Amino acid sequence: QYALEGMGEKADIATVVAKTVELVAQQTIDIPRILMVPKGEVKSGFKPFTLALATLKYPAVSNELWIQHLRTNQLDVVSLGHGGIEEARLEDIVVSGLVDFDDVSYDEHAGLLYDLATQTVQHFKGYLSEEDTRKVLR
């Protein structure tokens, strides 16, 4: 009668672990840590660029959310208010979202941020009214 593989004598776990540790130690190489330290002033930043917005075609969102209860067929309407700060310019809505990122310094890149915001606003105003553009941007 044939014996099933793995059903023979029990393996000595301590020996297997010791051999595995030995093999891993033999096959491991140390990778040196390289640290590059620049001399003098280091400055990073962003250069102006044109946004590719052709694929962004967001519809204007409604200020109302309709809820229809399936069991009772009751219909409720929840309206969105105008809470929070209402920005005077549409570009300000975009810029206020961009300055939330730590890697963008408003003081150093205000011109670039407003250029990108203007590109975004002009794109949406190309097919939406100003009011609908405001809805999309908030």
Protein backbone atom coordinates (compact mmCIF):
# COMPACT_ATOMS: atom_id res chain seq x y z
CA GLN A 1 0.00 0.00 0.00
CA TYR A 2 1.25 3.48 -0.88
CA ALA A 3 1.75 6.11 1.82
CA LEU A 4 0.17 9.52 1.33
CA GLU A 5 2.61 12.35 0.97
CA GLY A 6 2.89 14.45 4.11
CA MET A 7 1.31 11.76 6.26
CA GLY A 8 4.57 10.21 7.39
CA GLU A 9 6.61 11.24 10.36
CA LYS A 10 6.10 14.67 11.91
CA ALA A 11 8.61 17.35 11.01
CA ASP A 12 10.78 18.85 13.72
CA ILE A 13 9.47 22.44 13.72
CA ALA A 14 12.50 23.84 15.55
CA THR A 15 14.86 22.38 12.94
CA VAL A 16 12.76 23.69 10.04
CA VAL A 17 12.61 27.19 11.56
CA ALA A 18 16.35 27.21 12.28
CA LYS A 19 17.17 26.14 8.71
CA THR A 20 14.77 28.75 7.27
CA VAL A 21 16.32 31.53 9.37
CA GLU A 22 19.79 30.43 8.29
CA LEU A 23 18.83 30.45 4.58
CA VAL A 24 17.16 33.87 4.82
CA ALA A 25 20.22 35.31 6.59
CA GLN A 26 22.55 33.87 3.94
CA GLN A 27 20.49 35.24 1.06
CA THR A 28 19.93 38.72 2.49
CA ILE A 29 22.15 41.58 1.40
CA ASP A 30 22.50 44.90 3.16
CA ILE A 31 21.40 47.88 1.11
CA PRO A 32 23.30 51.01 2.09
CA ARG A 33 21.28 54.08 2.93
CA ILE A 34 22.18 57.02 0.71
CA LEU A 35 21.37 60.48 1.96
CA MET A 36 21.66 63.43 -0.39
CA VAL A 37 21.87 66.80 1.30
CA PRO A 38 21.74 69.82 -1.01
CA LYS A 39 24.01 72.78 -0.40
CA GLY A 40 22.58 76.25 -0.43
CA GLU A 41 18.97 77.33 -0.77
CA VAL A 42 16.52 74.73 -2.05
CA LYS A 43 13.36 75.95 -3.70
CA SER A 44 10.57 73.91 -5.19
CA GLY A 45 7.39 74.98 -6.85
CA PHE A 46 5.04 74.71 -9.76
CA LYS A 47 5.24 76.11 -13.28
CA PRO A 48 2.18 77.33 -15.20
CA PHE A 49 0.36 74.70 -17.23
CA THR A 50 -2.89 74.25 -19.11
CA LEU A 51 -5.50 71.95 -17.64
CA ALA A 52 -7.00 69.19 -19.80
CA LEU A 53 -10.66 69.71 -18.95
CA ALA A 54 -12.37 68.37 -22.08
CA THR A 55 -13.56 65.22 -20.32
CA LEU A 56 -15.06 67.08 -17.35
CA LYS A 57 -18.73 67.51 -18.18
CA TYR A 58 -20.49 67.74 -14.84
CA PRO A 59 -24.21 68.51 -14.86
CA ALA A 60 -25.56 71.16 -12.53
CA VAL A 61 -26.77 69.62 -9.31
CA SER A 62 -30.19 70.25 -7.88
CA ASN A 63 -30.65 72.09 -4.61
CA GLU A 64 -33.27 69.53 -3.66
CA LEU A 65 -33.01 65.89 -2.69
CA TRP A 66 -36.16 63.84 -3.21
CA ILE A 67 -36.83 60.95 -0.85
CA GLN A 68 -39.57 58.47 -1.68
CA HIS A 69 -40.32 55.91 1.00
CA LEU A 70 -40.89 52.51 -0.62
CA ARG A 71 -43.23 51.17 2.04
CA THR A 72 -45.58 54.17 2.26
CA ASN A 73 -44.89 55.90 -1.06
CA GLN A 74 -44.53 59.12 0.94
CA LEU A 75 -42.44 61.77 -0.80
CA ASP A 76 -40.17 64.13 1.13
CA VAL A 77 -38.03 66.93 -0.28
CA VAL A 78 -34.87 68.06 1.48
CA SER A 79 -33.55 71.44 0.30
CA LEU A 80 -29.93 72.46 0.51
CA GLY A 81 -29.43 75.81 2.13
CA HIS A 82 -26.81 78.43 1.39
CA GLY A 83 -24.85 77.77 4.58
CA GLY A 84 -21.22 78.66 4.96
CA ILE A 85 -19.24 81.35 3.20
CA GLU A 86 -20.52 82.44 -0.20
CA GLU A 87 -17.54 83.35 -2.37
CA ALA A 88 -17.91 86.51 -4.48
CA ARG A 89 -15.99 85.11 -7.47
CA LEU A 90 -16.27 81.60 -8.85
CA GLU A 91 -12.49 81.36 -8.98
CA ASP A 92 -12.38 81.84 -5.20
CA ILE A 93 -14.38 78.62 -4.74
CA VAL A 94 -11.76 76.65 -6.68
CA VAL A 95 -8.79 78.33 -4.98
CA SER A 96 -10.24 77.77 -1.50
CA GLY A 97 -10.29 74.05 -2.29
CA LEU A 98 -6.73 74.06 -3.66
CA VAL A 99 -5.13 75.81 -0.68
CA ASP A 100 -6.32 72.99 1.59
CA PHE A 101 -3.47 70.85 0.23
CA ASP A 102 -0.24 71.17 2.22
CA ASP A 103 2.03 71.08 -0.83
CA VAL A 104 0.49 74.22 -2.34
CA SER A 105 1.57 77.48 -0.74
CA TYR A 106 -0.99 80.18 -1.45
CA ASP A 107 1.51 82.97 -0.77
CA GLU A 108 4.04 81.63 -3.29
CA HIS A 109 1.62 80.33 -5.93
CA ALA A 110 -1.41 82.64 -5.84
CA GLY A 111 -0.96 83.60 -9.49
CA LEU A 112 -0.82 79.99 -10.64
CA LEU A 113 -3.75 78.97 -8.44
CA TYR A 114 -5.94 81.71 -9.88
CA ASP A 115 -4.83 80.85 -13.42
CA LEU A 116 -5.90 77.22 -12.89
CA ALA A 117 -9.12 78.36 -11.23
CA THR A 118 -9.89 80.67 -14.17
CA GLN A 119 -9.32 77.82 -16.63
CA THR A 120 -11.71 75.63 -14.63
CA VAL A 121 -14.41 78.29 -14.33
CA GLN A 122 -14.20 79.18 -18.05
CA HIS A 123 -14.56 75.50 -18.95
CA PHE A 124 -17.75 75.07 -16.93
CA LYS A 125 -19.16 78.43 -18.05
CA GLY A 126 -18.70 77.18 -21.62
CA TYR A 127 -21.76 74.95 -21.23
CA LEU A 128 -23.39 76.03 -17.95
CA SER A 129 -24.90 79.27 -16.68
CA GLU A 130 -23.06 81.14 -13.94
CA GLU A 131 -25.51 79.87 -11.32
CA ASP A 132 -25.13 76.25 -12.48
CA THR A 133 -21.34 76.66 -12.59
CA ARG A 134 -21.44 77.81 -8.96
CA LYS A 135 -23.45 74.68 -8.07
CA VAL A 136 -20.90 72.42 -9.76
CA LEU A 137 -17.93 74.14 -8.11
CA ARG A 138 -19.21 74.08 -4.57
